[in-house]
């Protein structure tokens, strides 16, 4: 899939350095996350979920591993 979901212009995203993958042994992972100081309303939370972000409390993130397939967009 070559198309990508547009990133909302008001969201600042950060990408972690490589770290040990918690799912696959002997693999490295990276995580893309929304600035934790950004307040996310329900509409944006739903949009983030549709483009593959997960939520832990008020934090929104998704895997961004170099070797793993990108999450598919729904809808």
Protein backbone atom coordinates (compact mmCIF):
# COMPACT_ATOMS: atom_id res chain seq x y z
CA UNK A 1 0.00 0.00 0.00
CA UNK A 2 1.55 3.26 -1.04
CA UNK A 3 -0.97 5.78 0.29
CA UNK A 4 -0.53 7.06 3.80
CA UNK A 5 -3.00 8.69 6.13
CA UNK A 6 -2.36 12.41 6.48
CA UNK A 7 -1.07 13.47 9.88
CA UNK A 8 -3.15 16.11 11.55
CA UNK A 9 -1.20 19.39 11.38
CA UNK A 10 -1.61 20.05 15.11
CA UNK A 11 -0.16 16.72 16.25
CA UNK A 12 3.52 16.52 17.07
CA UNK A 13 4.86 12.98 16.61
CA UNK A 14 8.01 11.45 18.05
CA UNK A 15 9.90 8.31 17.06
CA UNK A 16 11.91 6.31 19.59
CA UNK A 17 15.32 4.86 18.94
CA UNK A 18 15.55 1.13 18.33
CA UNK A 19 14.77 -0.98 21.41
CA UNK A 20 14.21 -4.67 22.09
CA UNK A 21 10.91 -5.89 20.65
CA UNK A 22 8.48 -7.08 23.31
CA UNK A 23 6.69 -9.37 20.83
CA UNK A 24 9.42 -11.08 18.79
CA UNK A 25 12.66 -12.35 20.31
CA UNK A 26 15.87 -11.18 18.63
CA UNK A 27 14.12 -8.28 16.88
CA UNK A 28 14.44 -4.56 17.33
CA UNK A 29 11.45 -2.23 17.48
CA UNK A 30 10.66 1.47 17.29
CA UNK A 31 7.61 3.31 18.52
CA UNK A 32 5.89 6.34 17.01
CA UNK A 33 3.96 8.34 19.59
CA UNK A 34 1.91 11.51 19.86
CA UNK A 35 3.34 14.26 22.05
CA UNK A 36 2.10 13.31 25.54
CA UNK A 37 1.37 16.99 26.29
CA UNK A 38 -1.20 17.15 23.48
CA UNK A 39 -4.82 16.90 24.53
CA UNK A 40 -6.61 14.48 22.20
CA UNK A 41 -10.35 14.81 21.77
CA UNK A 42 -12.64 11.89 20.92
CA UNK A 43 -12.67 12.66 17.18
CA UNK A 44 -8.88 12.63 16.96
CA UNK A 45 -8.65 9.55 19.20
CA UNK A 46 -10.98 7.69 16.82
CA UNK A 47 -8.94 8.87 13.84
CA UNK A 48 -5.66 7.75 15.45
CA UNK A 49 -7.17 4.32 16.17
CA UNK A 50 -8.27 3.98 12.53
CA UNK A 51 -4.71 4.58 11.32
CA UNK A 52 -3.17 2.02 13.66
CA UNK A 53 -2.41 3.90 16.86
CA UNK A 54 -3.00 2.24 20.22
CA UNK A 55 -3.84 3.92 23.48
CA UNK A 56 -2.49 3.46 26.99
CA UNK A 57 -4.22 5.89 29.33
CA UNK A 58 -3.76 9.29 27.69
CA UNK A 59 -0.83 8.13 25.53
CA UNK A 60 -1.23 7.28 21.83
CA UNK A 61 1.42 5.21 20.06
CA UNK A 62 1.98 2.62 17.36
CA UNK A 63 4.80 0.32 16.35
CA UNK A 64 7.05 1.76 13.65
CA UNK A 65 9.51 -1.09 13.26
CA UNK A 66 11.85 -1.14 10.29
CA UNK A 67 11.32 -4.83 9.49
CA UNK A 68 7.62 -5.26 10.28
CA UNK A 69 4.74 -4.46 7.93
CA UNK A 70 2.96 -1.17 8.45
CA UNK A 71 -0.51 -1.31 9.99
CA UNK A 72 -3.36 -1.22 7.50
CA UNK A 73 -5.80 1.63 7.45
CA UNK A 74 -9.44 0.78 7.93
CA UNK A 75 -12.39 2.61 6.41
